[in-house]
Amino acid sequence: MQATKHTFLFQEGWWIANGQYADKSGQYTPVEGHNVITHQKSVWINEGFMRLSEGDKAEFRNSYEIIPFKKEETSTNWKSRNPILGTLFGRFTIVADTIISTYKSESNEYSGVEILMQVNETTYKSRGFAVKGDRMLSAWTVTLEKRVKP
């Protein structure tokens, strides 16, 4: 199997997100947002923002601090501060054309998974969910497209 050259996380950039967000009842609503990836010497930063396009127009923000992948390694740890869920601890793992992110909150109350499948160098399909204990909180299906920052 040939290794995929991932661009999301691995290159600095501005990614536009569009898709669908599902609340705990499974009701889907259009969602839009963006992620900004920056690299510092000892940490990569992923600043993410999503907004519901309809209804109450709720906003979701995350700020990830990612330990840079070491050469030849296929996984690394990350930490995020989420205004709703608190501090999250997670792990990114590369499996061929997919980046899998698993996480749980510092309190162990919340957990979830996000799958980022590479379509091409500038497009990823994201699918994920968050749970509180054994109850679904949210799910999403989003396309991320790399763009030049406006």
N, C-alpha and C. Protein backbone atom coordinates (compact mmCIF):
# COMPACT_ATOMS: atom_id res chain seq x y z
N MET A 1 0.84 -1.18 0.00
CA MET A 1 0.00 0.00 0.00
C MET A 1 0.89 1.24 0.00
N GLN A 2 0.63 2.16 -0.90
CA GLN A 2 1.42 3.37 -0.99
C GLN A 2 0.93 4.38 0.04
N ALA A 3 1.86 5.06 0.70
CA ALA A 3 1.51 6.05 1.72
C ALA A 3 0.87 7.27 1.06
N THR A 4 -0.14 7.81 1.70
CA THR A 4 -0.81 9.02 1.23
C THR A 4 -0.07 10.23 1.79
N LYS A 5 0.10 11.25 0.97
CA LYS A 5 0.70 12.49 1.44
C LYS A 5 -0.43 13.41 1.89
N HIS A 6 -0.65 13.44 3.19
CA HIS A 6 -1.74 14.25 3.73
C HIS A 6 -1.37 15.73 3.74
N THR A 7 -2.38 16.56 3.52
CA THR A 7 -2.19 18.01 3.54
C THR A 7 -2.88 18.65 4.74
N PHE A 8 -4.08 18.16 5.10
CA PHE A 8 -4.77 18.71 6.27
C PHE A 8 -3.93 18.40 7.51
N LEU A 9 -3.72 19.37 8.35
CA LEU A 9 -2.85 19.34 9.53
C LEU A 9 -1.38 19.45 9.15
N PHE A 10 -0.93 18.76 8.11
CA PHE A 10 0.48 18.68 7.77
C PHE A 10 1.01 19.92 7.05
N GLN A 11 0.12 20.73 6.52
CA GLN A 11 0.51 21.98 5.87
C GLN A 11 -0.30 23.12 6.48
N GLU A 12 0.35 24.25 6.64
CA GLU A 12 -0.39 25.42 7.11
C GLU A 12 -1.42 25.79 6.06
N GLY A 13 -2.55 26.30 6.51
CA GLY A 13 -3.55 26.69 5.54
C GLY A 13 -4.90 27.03 6.14
N TRP A 14 -5.77 27.48 5.26
CA TRP A 14 -7.13 27.91 5.57
C TRP A 14 -8.07 26.92 4.90
N TRP A 15 -8.93 26.26 5.67
CA TRP A 15 -9.85 25.26 5.14
C TRP A 15 -11.29 25.71 5.40
N ILE A 16 -12.09 25.75 4.35
CA ILE A 16 -13.50 26.12 4.44
C ILE A 16 -14.32 24.83 4.64
N ALA A 17 -15.26 24.88 5.56
CA ALA A 17 -16.10 23.71 5.88
C ALA A 17 -17.55 23.99 5.52
N ASN A 18 -18.18 23.04 4.84
CA ASN A 18 -19.61 23.10 4.53
C ASN A 18 -20.19 21.71 4.65
N GLY A 19 -21.39 21.62 5.23
CA GLY A 19 -22.01 20.32 5.34
C GLY A 19 -23.26 20.34 6.18
N GLN A 20 -23.44 19.25 6.95
CA GLN A 20 -24.63 19.07 7.77
C GLN A 20 -24.22 18.72 9.20
N TYR A 21 -24.96 19.27 10.16
CA TYR A 21 -24.76 19.01 11.58
C TYR A 21 -26.06 18.40 12.12
N ALA A 22 -25.94 17.35 12.90
CA ALA A 22 -27.13 16.71 13.50
C ALA A 22 -27.09 16.89 15.01
N ASP A 23 -28.21 17.32 15.58
CA ASP A 23 -28.29 17.44 17.03
C ASP A 23 -28.61 16.08 17.64
N LYS A 24 -28.80 16.05 18.96
CA LYS A 24 -28.99 14.78 19.67
C LYS A 24 -30.26 14.04 19.23
N SER A 25 -31.22 14.74 18.63
CA SER A 25 -32.43 14.07 18.14
C SER A 25 -32.27 13.59 16.70
N GLY A 26 -31.12 13.87 16.08
CA GLY A 26 -30.88 13.44 14.70
C GLY A 26 -31.37 14.42 13.66
N GLN A 27 -31.79 15.61 14.10
CA GLN A 27 -32.25 16.65 13.18
C GLN A 27 -31.06 17.33 12.53
N TYR A 28 -30.96 17.23 11.17
CA TYR A 28 -29.83 17.82 10.45
C TYR A 28 -30.10 19.27 10.08
N THR A 29 -29.05 20.09 10.17
CA THR A 29 -29.09 21.50 9.83
C THR A 29 -27.83 21.83 9.03
N PRO A 30 -27.92 22.67 7.99
CA PRO A 30 -26.70 23.07 7.28
C PRO A 30 -25.72 23.77 8.23
N VAL A 31 -24.44 23.53 8.00
CA VAL A 31 -23.40 24.13 8.83
C VAL A 31 -22.27 24.62 7.93
N GLU A 32 -21.62 25.70 8.35
CA GLU A 32 -20.48 26.24 7.61
C GLU A 32 -19.44 26.72 8.60
N GLY A 33 -18.21 26.80 8.15
CA GLY A 33 -17.15 27.26 9.04
C GLY A 33 -15.80 27.21 8.37
N HIS A 34 -14.77 27.19 9.21
CA HIS A 34 -13.42 27.11 8.68
C HIS A 34 -12.46 26.59 9.75
N ASN A 35 -11.33 26.12 9.30
CA ASN A 35 -10.20 25.71 10.15
C ASN A 35 -8.97 26.44 9.65
N VAL A 36 -8.15 26.92 10.56
CA VAL A 36 -6.88 27.55 10.21
C VAL A 36 -5.78 26.74 10.88
N ILE A 37 -4.88 26.21 10.07
CA ILE A 37 -3.76 25.41 10.57
C ILE A 37 -2.50 26.26 10.52
N THR A 38 -1.82 26.36 11.66
CA THR A 38 -0.53 27.05 11.72
C THR A 38 0.47 26.14 12.41
N HIS A 39 1.73 26.26 12.01
CA HIS A 39 2.80 25.44 12.59
C HIS A 39 3.78 26.33 13.35
N GLN A 40 3.99 25.96 14.60
CA GLN A 40 5.05 26.55 15.40
C GLN A 40 6.10 25.49 15.61
N LYS A 41 7.22 25.85 16.20
CA LYS A 41 8.33 24.90 16.32
C LYS A 41 7.93 23.63 17.07
N SER A 42 7.24 23.76 18.20
CA SER A 42 6.94 22.59 19.02
C SER A 42 5.47 22.20 19.05
N VAL A 43 4.62 22.94 18.31
CA VAL A 43 3.19 22.62 18.32
C VAL A 43 2.54 23.11 17.02
N TRP A 44 1.56 22.35 16.54
CA TRP A 44 0.72 22.78 15.44
C TRP A 44 -0.59 23.23 16.04
N ILE A 45 -1.16 24.29 15.52
CA ILE A 45 -2.43 24.83 16.02
C ILE A 45 -3.50 24.65 14.95
N ASN A 46 -4.65 24.17 15.36
CA ASN A 46 -5.82 24.05 14.48
C ASN A 46 -6.95 24.82 15.15
N GLU A 47 -7.24 26.01 14.64
CA GLU A 47 -8.34 26.83 15.15
C GLU A 47 -9.56 26.55 14.29
N GLY A 48 -10.62 25.98 14.89
CA GLY A 48 -11.80 25.62 14.14
C GLY A 48 -13.04 26.37 14.58
N PHE A 49 -13.92 26.64 13.62
CA PHE A 49 -15.14 27.39 13.87
C PHE A 49 -16.24 26.84 12.97
N MET A 50 -17.40 26.54 13.55
CA MET A 50 -18.56 26.07 12.78
C MET A 50 -19.80 26.85 13.23
N ARG A 51 -20.66 27.18 12.27
CA ARG A 51 -21.89 27.91 12.58
C ARG A 51 -23.05 27.24 11.87
N LEU A 52 -24.13 27.02 12.62
CA LEU A 52 -25.35 26.51 11.99
C LEU A 52 -25.90 27.59 11.08
N SER A 53 -26.33 27.21 9.89
CA SER A 53 -26.80 28.18 8.91
C SER A 53 -28.27 28.55 9.10
N GLU A 54 -28.97 27.78 9.91
CA GLU A 54 -30.40 28.02 10.11
C GLU A 54 -30.73 28.02 11.60
N GLY A 55 -31.97 28.40 11.93
CA GLY A 55 -32.44 28.33 13.30
C GLY A 55 -31.71 29.29 14.21
N ASP A 56 -31.20 28.78 15.34
CA ASP A 56 -30.57 29.65 16.34
C ASP A 56 -29.15 30.08 15.96
N LYS A 57 -28.65 29.58 14.82
CA LYS A 57 -27.31 29.92 14.32
C LYS A 57 -26.23 29.73 15.38
N ALA A 58 -26.32 28.64 16.12
CA ALA A 58 -25.34 28.32 17.16
C ALA A 58 -23.95 28.23 16.55
N GLU A 59 -22.94 28.56 17.35
CA GLU A 59 -21.55 28.49 16.92
C GLU A 59 -20.78 27.53 17.79
N PHE A 60 -19.82 26.83 17.18
CA PHE A 60 -18.96 25.89 17.88
C PHE A 60 -17.52 26.25 17.56
N ARG A 61 -16.70 26.35 18.59
CA ARG A 61 -15.29 26.69 18.41
C ARG A 61 -14.41 25.67 19.11
N ASN A 62 -13.28 25.37 18.48
CA ASN A 62 -12.26 24.50 19.06
C ASN A 62 -10.90 25.08 18.75
N SER A 63 -10.00 24.92 19.67
CA SER A 63 -8.61 25.31 19.46
C SER A 63 -7.74 24.12 19.85
N TYR A 64 -7.15 23.48 18.84
CA TYR A 64 -6.33 22.29 19.05
C TYR A 64 -4.85 22.65 19.15
N GLU A 65 -4.16 22.03 20.09
CA GLU A 65 -2.71 22.06 20.16
C GLU A 65 -2.24 20.65 19.84
N ILE A 66 -1.55 20.50 18.73
CA ILE A 66 -1.17 19.18 18.22
C ILE A 66 0.33 19.00 18.34
N ILE A 67 0.74 17.90 18.92
CA ILE A 67 2.16 17.56 18.92
C ILE A 67 2.52 17.16 17.50
N PRO A 68 3.49 17.82 16.87
CA PRO A 68 3.81 17.48 15.48
C PRO A 68 4.15 16.00 15.31
N PHE A 69 3.70 15.43 14.20
CA PHE A 69 4.02 14.03 13.90
C PHE A 69 5.53 13.91 13.76
N LYS A 70 6.10 12.88 14.37
CA LYS A 70 7.52 12.59 14.20
C LYS A 70 7.68 11.83 12.88
N LYS A 71 8.86 11.97 12.30
CA LYS A 71 9.14 11.30 11.03
C LYS A 71 8.87 9.81 11.18
N GLU A 72 8.18 9.26 10.20
CA GLU A 72 7.83 7.83 10.13
C GLU A 72 6.77 7.40 11.16
N GLU A 73 6.26 8.31 11.97
CA GLU A 73 5.19 7.97 12.93
C GLU A 73 3.83 8.18 12.27
N THR A 74 2.85 7.38 12.67
CA THR A 74 1.52 7.49 12.09
C THR A 74 0.47 7.98 13.09
N SER A 75 0.89 8.38 14.28
CA SER A 75 -0.07 8.93 15.23
C SER A 75 0.60 9.93 16.16
N THR A 76 -0.23 10.80 16.72
CA THR A 76 0.25 11.81 17.66
C THR A 76 -0.91 12.25 18.54
N ASN A 77 -0.58 12.90 19.64
CA ASN A 77 -1.59 13.38 20.59
C ASN A 77 -1.94 14.83 20.33
N TRP A 78 -3.12 15.21 20.79
CA TRP A 78 -3.56 16.59 20.72
C TRP A 78 -4.38 16.94 21.95
N LYS A 79 -4.51 18.24 22.20
CA LYS A 79 -5.33 18.76 23.30
C LYS A 79 -6.14 19.91 22.74
N SER A 80 -7.38 20.03 23.18
CA SER A 80 -8.24 21.10 22.69
C SER A 80 -9.02 21.71 23.84
N ARG A 81 -9.28 22.99 23.69
CA ARG A 81 -10.15 23.67 24.65
C ARG A 81 -11.45 23.99 23.93
N ASN A 82 -12.53 23.40 24.42
CA ASN A 82 -13.84 23.57 23.81
C ASN A 82 -14.73 24.29 24.83
N PRO A 83 -15.36 25.41 24.46
CA PRO A 83 -16.17 26.17 25.42
C PRO A 83 -17.33 25.37 26.02
N ILE A 84 -17.81 24.36 25.31
CA ILE A 84 -18.95 23.57 25.80
C ILE A 84 -18.49 22.30 26.52
N LEU A 85 -17.55 21.58 25.92
CA LEU A 85 -17.13 20.28 26.44
C LEU A 85 -15.95 20.35 27.40
N GLY A 86 -15.30 21.49 27.49
CA GLY A 86 -14.13 21.62 28.36
C GLY A 86 -12.87 21.20 27.63
N THR A 87 -11.86 20.79 28.40
CA THR A 87 -10.60 20.36 27.80
C THR A 87 -10.74 18.94 27.29
N LEU A 88 -10.35 18.75 26.03
CA LEU A 88 -10.41 17.43 25.39
C LEU A 88 -8.99 16.94 25.13
N PHE A 89 -8.79 15.64 25.26
CA PHE A 89 -7.52 15.00 24.94
C PHE A 89 -7.78 13.97 23.86
N GLY A 90 -6.96 14.00 22.80
CA GLY A 90 -7.22 13.10 21.69
C GLY A 90 -5.96 12.61 21.03
N ARG A 91 -6.19 11.82 19.99
CA ARG A 91 -5.10 11.23 19.23
C ARG A 91 -5.50 11.21 17.76
N PHE A 92 -4.60 11.70 16.90
CA PHE A 92 -4.75 11.57 15.46
C PHE A 92 -3.96 10.34 15.03
N THR A 93 -4.57 9.49 14.23
CA THR A 93 -3.90 8.31 13.68
C THR A 93 -4.14 8.27 12.18
N ILE A 94 -3.05 8.06 11.42
CA ILE A 94 -3.13 7.99 9.97
C ILE A 94 -3.32 6.54 9.56
N VAL A 95 -4.37 6.28 8.77
CA VAL A 95 -4.61 4.97 8.18
C VAL A 95 -4.85 5.20 6.69
N ALA A 96 -3.80 5.00 5.91
CA ALA A 96 -3.85 5.21 4.45
C ALA A 96 -4.34 6.61 4.11
N ASP A 97 -5.50 6.74 3.44
CA ASP A 97 -6.00 8.05 3.02
C ASP A 97 -6.86 8.74 4.07
N THR A 98 -6.83 8.25 5.32
CA THR A 98 -7.72 8.74 6.36
C THR A 98 -6.96 9.15 7.62
N ILE A 99 -7.38 10.27 8.20
CA ILE A 99 -6.90 10.70 9.51
C ILE A 99 -8.05 10.43 10.48
N ILE A 100 -7.80 9.60 11.48
CA ILE A 100 -8.82 9.26 12.48
C ILE A 100 -8.47 9.97 13.78
N SER A 101 -9.45 10.68 14.32
CA SER A 101 -9.26 11.39 15.58
C SER A 101 -10.21 10.81 16.62
N THR A 102 -9.65 10.34 17.72
CA THR A 102 -10.46 9.87 18.84
C THR A 102 -10.18 10.81 20.01
N TYR A 103 -11.19 11.04 20.84
CA TYR A 103 -10.99 11.97 21.96
C TYR A 103 -11.93 11.69 23.11
N LYS A 104 -11.55 12.25 24.28
CA LYS A 104 -12.42 12.24 25.45
C LYS A 104 -12.13 13.50 26.25
N SER A 105 -13.10 13.90 27.04
CA SER A 105 -12.93 15.10 27.85
C SER A 105 -12.12 14.78 29.10
N GLU A 106 -11.56 15.82 29.67
CA GLU A 106 -10.77 15.68 30.89
C GLU A 106 -11.59 15.02 31.99
N SER A 107 -12.90 15.30 32.03
CA SER A 107 -13.80 14.73 33.05
C SER A 107 -14.27 13.32 32.70
N ASN A 108 -13.91 12.83 31.51
CA ASN A 108 -14.37 11.54 30.98
C ASN A 108 -15.87 11.52 30.72
N GLU A 109 -16.52 12.67 30.77
CA GLU A 109 -17.96 12.77 30.54
C GLU A 109 -18.30 12.74 29.05
N TYR A 110 -17.42 13.29 28.21
CA TYR A 110 -17.65 13.39 26.78
C TYR A 110 -16.59 12.64 26.01
N SER A 111 -16.98 12.09 24.85
CA SER A 111 -16.01 11.43 23.97
C SER A 111 -16.54 11.48 22.54
N GLY A 112 -15.68 11.11 21.60
CA GLY A 112 -16.12 11.12 20.22
C GLY A 112 -15.05 10.67 19.25
N VAL A 113 -15.43 10.68 18.00
CA VAL A 113 -14.56 10.25 16.90
C VAL A 113 -14.81 11.17 15.71
N GLU A 114 -13.73 11.47 14.99
CA GLU A 114 -13.86 12.17 13.72
C GLU A 114 -12.98 11.46 12.71
N ILE A 115 -13.53 11.23 11.52
CA ILE A 115 -12.82 10.59 10.42
C ILE A 115 -12.64 11.64 9.33
N LEU A 116 -11.39 11.86 8.89
CA LEU A 116 -11.09 12.82 7.83
C LEU A 116 -10.48 12.06 6.66
N MET A 117 -11.29 11.81 5.63
CA MET A 117 -10.83 11.05 4.48
C MET A 117 -10.42 12.00 3.36
N GLN A 118 -9.19 11.82 2.88
CA GLN A 118 -8.66 12.68 1.83
C GLN A 118 -9.27 12.30 0.48
N VAL A 119 -9.84 13.29 -0.19
CA VAL A 119 -10.36 13.12 -1.55
C VAL A 119 -9.26 13.47 -2.55
N ASN A 120 -8.59 14.58 -2.30
CA ASN A 120 -7.42 15.02 -3.06
C ASN A 120 -6.62 15.97 -2.17
N GLU A 121 -5.60 16.61 -2.71
CA GLU A 121 -4.73 17.46 -1.89
C GLU A 121 -5.45 18.63 -1.24
N THR A 122 -6.56 19.07 -1.80
CA THR A 122 -7.25 20.24 -1.27
C THR A 122 -8.65 19.95 -0.73
N THR A 123 -9.03 18.67 -0.64
CA THR A 123 -10.37 18.32 -0.18
C THR A 123 -10.34 17.11 0.75
N TYR A 124 -11.05 17.23 1.87
CA TYR A 124 -11.25 16.13 2.81
C TYR A 124 -12.73 16.02 3.13
N LYS A 125 -13.21 14.80 3.35
CA LYS A 125 -14.56 14.55 3.83
C LYS A 125 -14.45 14.20 5.31
N SER A 126 -15.17 14.94 6.15
CA SER A 126 -15.15 14.73 7.59
C SER A 126 -16.48 14.14 8.05
N ARG A 127 -16.40 13.10 8.85
CA ARG A 127 -17.58 12.50 9.48
C ARG A 127 -17.24 12.29 10.94
N GLY A 128 -18.16 12.63 11.83
CA GLY A 128 -17.85 12.45 13.24
C GLY A 128 -19.07 12.51 14.12
N PHE A 129 -18.82 12.25 15.40
CA PHE A 129 -19.88 12.33 16.39
C PHE A 129 -19.29 12.60 17.77
N ALA A 130 -20.13 13.14 18.64
CA ALA A 130 -19.77 13.37 20.04
C ALA A 130 -20.86 12.76 20.91
N VAL A 131 -20.45 12.15 22.01
CA VAL A 131 -21.41 11.55 22.95
C VAL A 131 -21.12 12.05 24.36
N LYS A 132 -22.15 12.02 25.18
CA LYS A 132 -22.04 12.28 26.61
C LYS A 132 -22.46 10.98 27.28
N GLY A 133 -21.47 10.26 27.84
CA GLY A 133 -21.75 8.93 28.35
C GLY A 133 -22.17 8.03 27.20
N ASP A 134 -23.39 7.52 27.25
CA ASP A 134 -23.89 6.69 26.15
C ASP A 134 -24.98 7.39 25.34
N ARG A 135 -25.09 8.71 25.49
CA ARG A 135 -26.10 9.49 24.76
C ARG A 135 -25.45 10.33 23.66
N MET A 136 -26.00 10.26 22.47
CA MET A 136 -25.51 11.05 21.34
C MET A 136 -25.74 12.54 21.62
N LEU A 137 -24.70 13.34 21.40
CA LEU A 137 -24.83 14.80 21.49
C LEU A 137 -24.98 15.42 20.11
N SER A 138 -24.12 14.98 19.20
CA SER A 138 -24.14 15.56 17.87
C SER A 138 -23.39 14.66 16.90
N ALA A 139 -23.63 14.93 15.62
CA ALA A 139 -22.90 14.23 14.56
C ALA A 139 -22.76 15.24 13.41
N TRP A 140 -21.85 14.97 12.51
CA TRP A 140 -21.66 15.88 11.39
C TRP A 140 -21.11 15.15 10.18
N THR A 141 -21.39 15.73 9.03
CA THR A 141 -20.84 15.31 7.75
C THR A 141 -20.47 16.59 7.02
N VAL A 142 -19.17 16.82 6.85
CA VAL A 142 -18.67 18.10 6.35
C VAL A 142 -17.60 17.86 5.29
N THR A 143 -17.54 18.73 4.30
CA THR A 143 -16.46 18.75 3.34
C THR A 143 -15.54 19.91 3.68
N LEU A 144 -14.25 19.64 3.76
CA LEU A 144 -13.23 20.67 4.00
C LEU A 144 -12.48 20.92 2.70
N GLU A 145 -12.39 22.19 2.29
CA GLU A 145 -11.67 22.55 1.08
C GLU A 145 -10.63 23.60 1.39
N LYS A 146 -9.39 23.33 0.99
CA LYS A 146 -8.30 24.27 1.25
C LYS A 146 -8.46 25.47 0.32
N ARG A 147 -8.33 26.64 0.90
CA ARG A 147 -8.47 27.89 0.14
C ARG A 147 -7.37 28.86 0.53
N VAL A 148 -7.23 29.89 -0.26
CA VAL A 148 -6.35 30.99 0.10
C VAL A 148 -7.13 31.84 1.08
N LYS A 149 -6.52 32.19 2.20
CA LYS A 149 -7.21 32.97 3.22
C LYS A 149 -7.65 34.31 2.65
N PRO A 150 -8.93 34.67 2.89
CA PRO A 150 -9.45 35.95 2.36
C PRO A 150 -8.78 37.15 3.00
